[in-house]
N, C-alpha and C. Protein backbone atom coordinates (compact mmCIF):
# COMPACT_ATOMS: atom_id res chain seq x y z
N MET A 1 0.79 -0.76 -0.36
CA MET A 1 -0.05 -0.04 -0.15
C MET A 1 1.08 1.15 -0.18
N LYS A 2 0.50 2.03 -0.70
CA LYS A 2 1.35 3.42 -0.88
C LYS A 2 0.68 4.63 0.06
N ASN A 3 1.46 5.22 0.78
CA ASN A 3 1.02 6.31 1.57
C ASN A 3 0.75 7.47 0.51
N ARG A 4 -0.09 8.50 0.59
CA ARG A 4 -0.27 9.15 0.13
C ARG A 4 0.26 10.92 0.79
N SER A 5 0.42 11.52 -0.20
CA SER A 5 1.69 12.63 0.05
C SER A 5 0.90 14.02 -0.36
N TYR A 6 -0.02 14.12 -0.95
CA TYR A 6 -1.01 15.38 -0.88
C TYR A 6 -2.23 14.78 -0.94
N PHE A 7 -2.86 15.84 -0.40
CA PHE A 7 -4.15 16.29 0.09
C PHE A 7 -4.43 17.60 -0.26
N LYS A 8 -6.05 17.74 -0.46
CA LYS A 8 -6.61 19.39 -0.87
C LYS A 8 -6.14 19.92 0.33
N HIS A 9 -6.44 19.88 1.68
CA HIS A 9 -6.18 20.68 2.74
C HIS A 9 -4.98 20.00 3.43
N ARG A 10 -4.05 21.47 4.34
CA ARG A 10 -3.27 20.77 5.40
C ARG A 10 -3.07 21.32 6.40
N ILE A 11 -2.79 20.55 7.38
CA ILE A 11 -2.19 21.39 8.65
C ILE A 11 -1.09 21.37 8.95
N ASP A 12 -0.32 22.91 9.13
CA ASP A 12 1.09 22.41 9.17
C ASP A 12 1.17 23.60 10.58
N MET A 13 2.42 23.08 11.32
CA MET A 13 2.72 23.46 12.61
C MET A 13 4.21 24.89 12.07
N LEU A 14 4.44 25.91 12.53
CA LEU A 14 5.26 26.59 12.17
C LEU A 14 6.30 27.16 13.02
N ASP A 15 7.54 27.35 12.70
CA ASP A 15 8.64 27.87 13.95
C ASP A 15 8.31 29.44 13.94
N GLY A 16 9.03 30.15 14.51
CA GLY A 16 9.01 31.48 14.77
C GLY A 16 9.43 32.42 13.73
N ASP A 17 10.23 31.81 12.40
CA ASP A 17 9.93 32.66 11.49
C ASP A 17 9.19 32.30 10.16
N GLY A 18 8.39 31.25 10.63
CA GLY A 18 7.00 30.94 9.62
C GLY A 18 7.48 30.05 8.65
N GLU A 19 8.48 29.32 8.96
CA GLU A 19 8.84 28.17 8.10
C GLU A 19 8.08 26.86 9.30
N VAL A 20 7.67 26.09 7.71
CA VAL A 20 6.77 24.70 8.29
C VAL A 20 7.95 23.40 8.99
N ILE A 21 7.72 23.48 10.45
CA ILE A 21 8.44 22.57 11.02
C ILE A 21 8.09 21.00 11.09
N GLU A 22 6.61 20.88 10.90
CA GLU A 22 5.57 19.66 11.00
C GLU A 22 4.30 19.61 10.17
N HIS A 23 4.77 18.86 9.43
CA HIS A 23 2.74 18.57 8.82
C HIS A 23 2.43 17.68 9.71
N LEU A 24 1.33 18.27 10.02
CA LEU A 24 0.13 17.80 11.34
C LEU A 24 -1.03 16.62 10.43
N ALA A 25 -1.51 17.33 9.61
CA ALA A 25 -2.58 16.22 9.03
C ALA A 25 -2.68 17.13 7.28
N GLY A 26 -3.52 16.22 6.85
CA GLY A 26 -4.08 16.24 5.69
C GLY A 26 -5.37 15.50 5.49
N ALA A 27 -6.17 16.41 4.86
CA ALA A 27 -7.99 15.85 4.67
C ALA A 27 -8.01 16.24 3.20
N GLU A 28 -9.03 15.48 2.75
CA GLU A 28 -9.53 16.07 1.20
C GLU A 28 -10.98 16.88 1.38
N ASP A 29 -11.58 16.64 2.99
CA ASP A 29 -12.98 17.07 2.98
C ASP A 29 -12.55 18.09 3.66
N PHE A 30 -13.05 19.57 3.74
CA PHE A 30 -12.76 20.86 4.12
C PHE A 30 -13.42 20.59 5.96
N MET A 31 -14.78 20.25 5.93
CA MET A 31 -14.73 19.77 7.26
C MET A 31 -14.12 18.76 8.20
N LEU A 32 -13.90 17.93 7.81
CA LEU A 32 -12.68 17.10 8.59
C LEU A 32 -11.53 17.90 9.01
N ALA A 33 -10.81 18.79 8.01
CA ALA A 33 -10.13 19.85 7.97
C ALA A 33 -10.25 20.85 8.98
N GLU A 34 -10.85 21.02 9.26
CA GLU A 34 -11.50 22.44 10.27
C GLU A 34 -11.19 21.40 11.27
N ALA A 35 -11.86 20.31 11.68
CA ALA A 35 -12.35 19.75 12.69
C ALA A 35 -10.66 19.11 13.01
N LEU A 36 -9.97 18.95 12.54
CA LEU A 36 -8.13 18.29 13.01
C LEU A 36 -7.79 19.87 13.12
N TYR A 37 -7.89 20.76 12.59
CA TYR A 37 -6.79 22.33 13.10
C TYR A 37 -7.83 22.89 14.01
N GLU A 38 -9.08 22.94 14.86
CA GLU A 38 -9.16 23.15 16.19
C GLU A 38 -8.48 22.21 16.89
N ALA A 39 -8.27 20.69 16.46
CA ALA A 39 -7.42 20.11 17.50
C ALA A 39 -6.35 20.21 17.83
N ALA A 40 -5.84 20.62 16.53
CA ALA A 40 -4.50 20.92 16.73
C ALA A 40 -4.38 21.71 17.52
N ILE A 41 -5.14 23.31 17.26
CA ILE A 41 -4.82 24.71 18.19
C ILE A 41 -5.02 24.10 19.39
N LYS A 42 -5.96 23.42 19.99
CA LYS A 42 -6.39 23.00 21.54
C LYS A 42 -5.13 22.23 22.10
N ARG A 43 -4.65 20.99 20.59
CA ARG A 43 -3.08 20.59 21.55
C ARG A 43 -2.02 21.52 21.83
N TRP A 44 -2.07 22.44 20.83
CA TRP A 44 -0.36 23.11 20.93
C TRP A 44 -1.02 24.59 20.91
N PRO A 45 -1.50 24.94 21.62
CA PRO A 45 -2.49 26.56 21.86
C PRO A 45 -1.16 27.38 21.78
N LYS A 46 0.02 27.33 21.56
CA LYS A 46 0.81 28.56 21.45
C LYS A 46 1.74 28.31 20.18
N ALA A 47 1.51 27.23 19.95
CA ALA A 47 2.25 27.27 18.69
C ALA A 47 1.56 27.57 17.20
N PRO A 48 2.17 28.54 16.08
CA PRO A 48 1.27 29.03 14.98
C PRO A 48 1.16 27.92 14.03
N ILE A 49 -0.16 27.63 13.90
CA ILE A 49 -0.77 26.87 13.25
C ILE A 49 -1.59 27.10 11.81
N LEU A 50 -1.49 26.38 11.00
CA LEU A 50 -2.36 26.99 9.67
C LEU A 50 -2.87 25.95 8.98
N LEU A 51 -4.13 26.07 8.52
CA LEU A 51 -4.74 25.15 7.58
C LEU A 51 -4.92 25.74 6.44
N ARG A 52 -4.45 25.22 5.25
CA ARG A 52 -4.13 25.41 3.98
C ARG A 52 -5.28 24.72 3.12
N GLN A 53 -5.49 25.51 1.91
CA GLN A 53 -6.39 25.09 0.72
C GLN A 53 -5.23 25.08 -0.06
N ALA A 54 -4.69 24.00 -0.66
CA ALA A 54 -3.27 24.08 -1.83
C ALA A 54 -2.54 25.36 -1.48
N SER A 55 -2.32 26.57 -1.53
CA SER A 55 -1.32 27.59 -1.30
C SER A 55 -1.58 28.89 -0.50
N TRP A 56 -2.98 28.54 -0.43
CA TRP A 56 -4.05 29.46 0.56
C TRP A 56 -4.01 29.24 1.51
N VAL A 57 -4.14 30.22 2.55
CA VAL A 57 -4.27 29.68 3.67
C VAL A 57 -5.68 30.38 4.69
N VAL A 58 -6.43 29.33 5.06
CA VAL A 58 -7.59 29.44 4.87
C VAL A 58 -7.89 30.06 6.65
N ARG A 59 -6.83 29.43 7.36
CA ARG A 59 -7.27 29.79 9.03
C ARG A 59 -5.48 29.65 9.57
N ASP A 60 -5.53 30.30 9.93
CA ASP A 60 -3.93 31.07 10.76
C ASP A 60 -4.35 31.29 11.98
N SER A 61 -3.78 30.14 13.43
CA SER A 61 -3.59 30.49 14.73
C SER A 61 -3.34 31.90 15.17
N ARG A 62 -2.37 32.97 14.28
CA ARG A 62 -1.88 33.84 14.91
C ARG A 62 -2.90 35.11 14.25
N ARG A 63 -3.69 34.42 13.63
CA ARG A 63 -4.69 35.73 13.38
C ARG A 63 -6.47 34.97 13.75
N PRO A 64 -6.88 35.53 14.86
CA PRO A 64 -7.94 35.12 15.46
C PRO A 64 -9.15 35.72 14.56
N ARG A 65 -10.02 34.49 14.22
CA ARG A 65 -11.41 34.94 13.55
C ARG A 65 -12.16 36.18 14.25
N LEU A 66 -12.49 36.61 13.83
CA LEU A 66 -13.64 37.98 14.50
C LEU A 66 -15.19 37.37 14.32
N VAL A 67 -15.31 36.79 13.13
CA VAL A 67 -16.63 36.23 13.06
C VAL A 67 -16.77 34.73 13.19
N LYS A 68 -17.50 34.48 13.83
CA LYS A 68 -17.60 32.61 13.70
C LYS A 68 -19.26 32.80 13.27
């Protein structure tokens, strides 16, 4: 069985310089990706974490959302 390396959405942890230090998760479904992102920011509340769709940043833990 071959492991997948590309997903439509990915959750990454960044270092202080904004470089990816760890790929936390990947998902095809957006709702699943958002749930994984929320779980990651609860697990590592002080770490900068991104949810991306391809090259677009959908959610960034360094920028809190004003509207839910």
